[in-house]
Protein backbone atom coordinates (compact mmCIF):
# COMPACT_ATOMS: atom_id res chain seq x y z
CA MET A 1 161.47 112.09 67.71
CA LYS A 2 164.54 110.62 69.35
CA LYS A 3 167.18 113.09 70.31
CA LYS A 4 170.33 112.71 68.27
CA PHE A 5 173.40 114.80 68.00
CA ILE A 6 174.18 115.65 64.45
CA VAL A 7 177.65 116.28 63.01
CA LEU A 8 177.74 118.90 60.21
CA GLY A 9 175.62 117.32 57.55
CA VAL A 10 176.83 113.82 58.36
CA LEU A 11 174.37 112.63 61.05
CA PHE A 12 170.76 113.58 60.73
CA ALA A 13 167.42 112.92 62.48
CA THR A 14 164.93 111.01 60.44
CA PHE A 15 161.44 112.35 59.70
CA GLY A 16 158.47 110.13 59.00
CA PHE A 17 155.79 111.05 56.47
CA THR A 18 152.48 109.24 56.17
CA LYS A 19 150.00 111.15 54.03
CA MET A 20 149.28 109.58 50.66
CA ASN A 21 147.66 112.23 48.55
CA ALA A 22 150.26 114.66 47.28
CA GLN A 23 151.89 114.17 43.93
CA ILE A 24 154.92 115.78 42.26
CA ASN A 25 155.12 115.37 38.43
CA PHE A 26 158.53 115.56 36.84
CA GLY A 27 157.46 115.08 33.27
CA ASP A 28 157.31 112.28 30.72
CA LYS A 29 161.01 112.09 30.05
CA ALA A 30 161.97 111.21 33.65
CA ILE A 31 158.93 109.05 34.14
CA GLY A 32 159.69 107.10 30.97
CA ALA A 33 163.25 106.53 32.14
CA VAL A 34 161.90 105.19 35.47
CA GLN A 35 159.49 102.86 33.61
CA LYS A 36 162.38 101.38 31.66
CA GLY A 37 164.61 101.11 34.72
CA VAL A 38 167.22 103.39 33.21
CA THR A 39 169.77 104.46 35.83
CA GLY A 40 171.32 107.35 33.99
CA PHE A 41 168.30 109.44 33.03
CA THR A 42 168.57 113.20 32.94
CA PHE A 43 167.84 114.73 36.26
CA SER A 44 168.33 118.50 36.01
CA ASN A 45 169.12 121.10 38.62
CA ALA A 46 165.55 122.28 38.26
CA ASP A 47 164.22 118.81 38.94
CA ALA A 48 166.42 118.52 42.04
CA ALA A 49 165.29 121.97 43.27
CA ALA A 50 161.57 121.17 42.72
CA LEU A 51 161.77 117.89 44.50
CA SER A 52 163.82 119.32 47.35
CA LYS A 53 161.34 122.18 47.82
CA ALA A 54 158.44 119.76 47.93
CA ALA A 55 160.15 117.65 50.63
CA VAL A 56 161.20 120.71 52.69
CA ASP A 57 157.74 122.18 52.47
CA LYS A 58 156.43 118.97 53.93
CA MET A 59 158.99 118.95 56.73
CA ASP A 60 158.02 122.54 57.53
CA THR A 61 154.50 121.44 58.22
CA GLU A 62 155.58 118.59 60.39
CA ASN A 63 158.03 120.42 62.64
CA GLU A 64 157.68 123.50 64.79
CA VAL A 65 158.99 126.41 62.73
CA ALA A 66 159.98 129.51 64.62
CA SER A 67 157.83 132.52 63.68
CA ALA A 68 159.13 135.63 62.04
CA THR A 69 159.22 137.43 65.38
CA ASP A 70 160.75 134.51 67.36
CA PRO A 71 164.14 135.37 68.93
CA TYR A 72 165.79 132.37 67.12
CA THR A 73 164.54 133.70 63.75
CA LEU A 74 165.68 137.22 64.54
CA ARG A 75 169.15 135.95 65.40
CA LEU A 76 169.38 133.80 62.24
CA ASN A 77 168.27 136.66 60.08
CA ARG A 78 170.81 138.96 61.75
CA VAL A 79 173.64 136.53 61.32
CA PHE A 80 172.98 135.05 57.94
CA GLY A 81 169.98 136.82 56.42
CA LYS A 82 171.99 139.01 54.12
CA TYR A 83 173.41 135.99 52.30
CA THR A 84 170.41 135.08 50.20
CA ALA A 85 171.81 134.23 46.76
CA GLY A 86 174.21 131.65 45.43
CA ASP A 87 175.29 130.44 42.00
CA GLY A 88 171.98 129.30 40.54
CA TYR A 89 170.02 129.18 43.77
CA THR A 90 168.23 131.49 46.14
CA LEU A 91 168.59 130.77 49.89
CA ASN A 92 165.72 130.83 52.34
CA TYR A 93 166.11 130.27 56.05
CA LYS A 94 164.00 128.88 58.84
CA VAL A 95 164.56 127.66 62.34
CA TYR A 96 163.15 124.35 63.62
CA LYS A 97 162.34 124.59 67.37
CA LEU A 98 164.01 121.23 68.12
CA LYS A 99 166.66 120.35 70.68
CA GLU A 100 168.70 118.28 68.23
CA VAL A 101 172.05 119.83 67.17
CA ASN A 102 171.50 119.97 63.41
CA ALA A 103 171.41 122.11 60.27
CA PHE A 104 170.96 121.20 56.62
CA ALA A 105 170.56 122.82 53.21
CA THR A 106 168.87 121.41 50.15
CA ALA A 107 169.17 121.69 46.40
CA ASP A 108 166.57 124.42 46.19
CA GLY A 109 168.45 126.61 48.62
CA SER A 110 166.35 125.88 51.70
CA VAL A 111 168.38 126.19 54.85
CA ARG A 112 167.03 124.75 58.08
CA VAL A 113 168.78 125.31 61.39
CA TYR A 114 167.71 123.59 64.66
CA SER A 115 167.40 125.70 67.79
CA GLY A 116 169.57 123.11 69.55
CA LEU A 117 172.52 124.11 67.37
CA MET A 118 171.89 127.79 68.03
CA ASP A 119 171.95 127.11 71.77
CA ILE A 120 175.52 125.84 71.75
CA MET A 121 177.27 127.93 69.03
CA ASP A 122 177.95 131.55 68.80
CA ASP A 123 177.41 133.70 65.68
CA ASN A 124 180.76 132.87 64.01
CA GLU A 125 180.55 129.13 64.74
CA LEU A 126 176.99 129.15 63.39
CA LEU A 127 178.25 130.84 60.21
CA ALA A 128 180.82 128.09 59.84
CA VAL A 129 178.20 125.35 60.16
CA ILE A 130 175.69 126.92 57.81
CA GLY A 131 178.49 127.76 55.40
CA HIS A 132 179.39 124.08 55.36
CA GLU A 133 175.83 123.11 54.55
CA ILE A 134 175.62 125.70 51.80
CA GLY A 135 178.86 124.26 50.47
CA HIS A 136 177.02 121.01 49.76
CA VAL A 137 174.52 122.91 47.71
CA ALA A 138 177.15 124.94 45.85
CA ASN A 139 179.19 121.84 45.11
CA ASN A 140 176.02 120.02 43.79
CA ASP A 141 176.29 117.37 46.56
CA SER A 142 172.71 118.10 47.56
CA ARG A 143 171.51 117.74 43.94
CA ASP A 144 173.31 114.43 43.55
CA ALA A 145 171.89 113.15 46.88
CA ILE A 146 168.32 113.91 45.93
CA LYS A 147 168.83 112.45 42.48
CA ALA A 148 170.05 109.24 44.01
CA ALA A 149 167.07 109.23 46.43
CA TYR A 150 164.62 109.85 43.60
CA LYS A 151 166.05 107.08 41.47
CA LYS A 152 166.03 104.64 44.40
CA GLU A 153 162.42 105.31 45.53
CA ALA A 154 160.84 105.74 42.11
CA LEU A 155 162.58 102.75 40.58
CA MET A 156 161.81 100.53 43.56
CA ASP A 157 158.14 101.55 43.36
CA ALA A 158 158.02 100.96 39.59
CA ALA A 159 159.66 97.58 39.82
CA ALA A 160 157.17 96.46 42.52
CA SER A 161 154.22 97.70 40.53
CA GLN A 162 152.42 96.12 37.59
CA SER A 163 151.23 99.54 36.50
CA THR A 164 152.07 100.45 32.92
CA LYS A 165 152.55 104.11 33.82
CA VAL A 166 154.16 105.91 36.68
CA ALA A 167 152.58 109.35 36.38
CA ALA A 168 154.00 111.14 39.44
CA VAL A 169 155.95 110.95 42.65
CA THR A 170 153.44 110.11 45.34
CA ASP A 171 153.37 111.52 48.86
CA SER A 172 154.63 108.23 50.16
CA GLN A 173 157.65 108.38 47.89
CA LEU A 174 158.13 112.02 48.78
CA GLY A 175 158.28 111.06 52.47
CA LYS A 176 161.05 108.59 51.80
CA ILE A 177 162.93 111.08 49.64
CA GLY A 178 162.53 113.70 52.37
CA SER A 179 164.06 111.31 54.88
CA SER A 180 166.90 110.59 52.42
CA ILE A 181 167.65 114.34 52.12
CA ILE A 182 167.98 114.64 55.94
CA ASP A 183 169.89 111.40 56.18
CA SER A 184 172.29 112.06 53.36
CA LYS A 185 175.75 110.63 53.95
CA PHE A 186 178.34 112.45 51.96
CA SER A 187 181.73 111.05 51.00
CA ARG A 188 184.93 112.10 52.71
CA LYS A 189 185.86 114.14 49.68
CA GLN A 190 182.49 115.88 49.66
CA GLU A 191 182.70 116.72 53.36
CA SER A 192 186.23 118.05 53.03
CA GLU A 193 185.23 120.25 50.07
CA ALA A 194 182.26 121.58 52.03
CA ASP A 195 184.53 122.37 54.94
CA LEU A 196 186.85 124.32 52.61
CA TYR A 197 183.82 126.16 51.19
CA SER A 198 182.90 127.18 54.73
CA TYR A 199 186.43 128.36 55.49
CA ASN A 200 186.60 130.42 52.29
CA PHE A 201 183.18 131.87 53.01
CA LEU A 202 184.31 133.06 56.44
CA LYS A 203 187.56 134.46 55.09
CA LYS A 204 185.94 136.20 52.11
CA ASN A 205 183.30 137.95 54.19
CA GLY A 206 185.72 139.12 56.93
CA TYR A 207 184.69 136.63 59.72
CA ASP A 208 187.03 134.85 62.11
CA VAL A 209 188.07 131.75 60.25
CA ASN A 210 189.10 130.12 63.55
CA ALA A 211 185.41 129.68 64.30
CA GLU A 212 185.35 126.72 62.06
CA GLU A 213 187.93 124.82 64.13
CA SER A 214 185.96 125.79 67.26
CA ALA A 215 182.71 124.46 65.84
CA PHE A 216 184.36 121.14 65.16
CA ARG A 217 185.95 121.01 68.63
CA ILE A 218 182.42 121.46 70.15
CA LEU A 219 181.13 118.56 68.08
CA ALA A 220 184.14 116.46 68.90
CA LYS A 221 183.56 117.03 72.58
CA MET A 222 179.88 116.05 72.15
CA SER A 223 180.93 112.80 70.53
CA GLU A 224 182.75 111.86 73.74
CA GLY A 225 179.54 111.92 75.75
CA SER A 226 176.46 109.72 75.81
CA GLN A 227 176.01 109.85 72.06
CA ALA A 228 179.57 108.58 71.34
CA SER A 229 178.63 105.06 70.16
CA PHE A 230 175.93 106.39 67.81
CA ILE A 231 178.28 109.09 66.37
CA ASP A 232 181.12 106.54 65.94
CA GLN A 233 178.84 104.21 64.01
CA MET A 234 177.55 106.91 61.72
CA MET A 235 180.97 108.47 61.24
CA SER A 236 182.57 105.28 59.99
CA SER A 237 182.79 106.49 56.44
CA HIS A 238 183.44 110.20 57.16
CA PRO A 239 186.28 112.25 58.59
CA ASP A 240 185.82 112.72 62.40
CA SER A 241 185.28 116.05 63.99
CA LYS A 242 188.73 116.13 65.65
CA GLN A 243 190.48 115.65 62.31
CA ARG A 244 188.26 118.27 60.66
CA ALA A 245 189.16 120.69 63.45
CA GLU A 246 192.82 120.01 62.85
CA ASP A 247 192.37 120.58 59.11
CA ALA A 248 190.60 123.89 59.78
CA LYS A 249 193.48 124.94 62.09
CA LYS A 250 196.10 124.08 59.45
CA ARG A 251 194.24 126.16 56.87
CA ALA A 252 194.25 129.17 59.18
CA GLU A 253 197.92 128.66 60.07
CA LYS A 254 198.82 128.49 56.37
CA ASP A 255 197.03 131.80 55.82
CA GLY A 256 198.73 133.31 58.87
CA LEU A 257 195.32 133.85 60.44
CA TYR A 258 195.41 131.35 63.29
CA LYS A 259 194.77 132.26 66.85
CA PRO A 260 192.92 130.31 69.57
CA TYR A 261 189.21 131.04 69.30
CA VAL A 262 187.31 132.39 72.26
CA GLN A 263 183.59 131.63 72.02
CA GLN A 264 181.42 134.81 72.11
CA LYS A 265 178.26 135.23 74.11
CA ILE A 266 175.32 133.32 72.70
CA VAL A 267 172.16 135.32 72.68
CA ASN A 268 168.91 133.67 71.57
CA THR A 269 166.63 136.19 73.19
CA ALA A 270 164.78 139.04 71.60
CA PRO A 271 166.49 142.40 71.92
CA VAL A 272 165.10 144.44 74.71
CA ALA A 273 163.25 147.48 73.49
CA THR A 274 164.66 150.74 74.63
CA LYS A 275 162.21 152.71 76.68
CA THR A 276 161.76 156.30 75.66
CA THR A 277 160.70 158.91 78.16
CA THR A 278 158.24 161.30 76.74
CA LYS A 279 157.98 164.62 78.42
CA LYS A 280 154.54 165.94 78.83
CA ALA A 281 154.11 169.46 77.61
CA THR A 282 153.21 171.77 80.48
CA THR A 283 151.15 174.70 79.86
CA THR A 284 151.16 177.72 82.15
CA LYS A 285 147.70 179.09 82.76
CA LYS A 286 147.55 182.74 82.69
CA THR A 287 145.33 184.07 85.39
CA THR A 288 143.76 187.41 84.91
CA ALA A 289 143.15 189.28 88.12
CA LYS A 290 139.67 190.52 88.45
CA LYS A 291 139.35 194.16 88.91
CA LYS A 292 137.59 194.93 92.09
């Protein structure tokens, strides 16, 4: 996979899927709509969650996932593990052992964080980034994105086929839909609302809200390096990181909470076990003097 720097749910690495045997069935109602080419068919939150889960499950098998005892997993659980439930979804977290700077959340509540992101951001900055991604789920952006992907891939397949019945979403379609999830490009409004969700999450839970500005400053600095042309191209329809950093700063200033953020120590290693010294019990042997 080519290394790409990712900007808060705007730029994403693309995953390829090739197996052709899995199928996801979404019922006769949706399938009938696809057969007729209807663009406004009902696609429920449950449909979006089911399709998202199938796509993420597939990605989990095709990327190196940090084990339960891996230091990255331990850190993610420590930082974000207590936030497991949202309005209508349950969050589950995993770390992809990849150098890309990326994180995403899907309509079923799956949150995937790349180790590359964890290498450059401290706990508060990481909270800001993940909070932004969860904002897309809470605001139904992730649901709408997967609905669009499903309609596009299923309808395209149906139009190209002479089959009288489309019974399921094939693994091939699932692969394309999975790539669409990762490559979702949200509108300026959606990005701004997700940024606000992240800020409010930090504020509500007692974290330093200035970490959001700091996270954007890091990404802005990255965009000035070797990846600048790629980022500029992909950011053409989205607010840039510098502007989003300024917006985060203004929010903090308005609330009277602004202060320059100092990045904390980043620790992606397992905690060192404390050695305990066990004293051996000593027994005093009583010696009986033999009578002569």
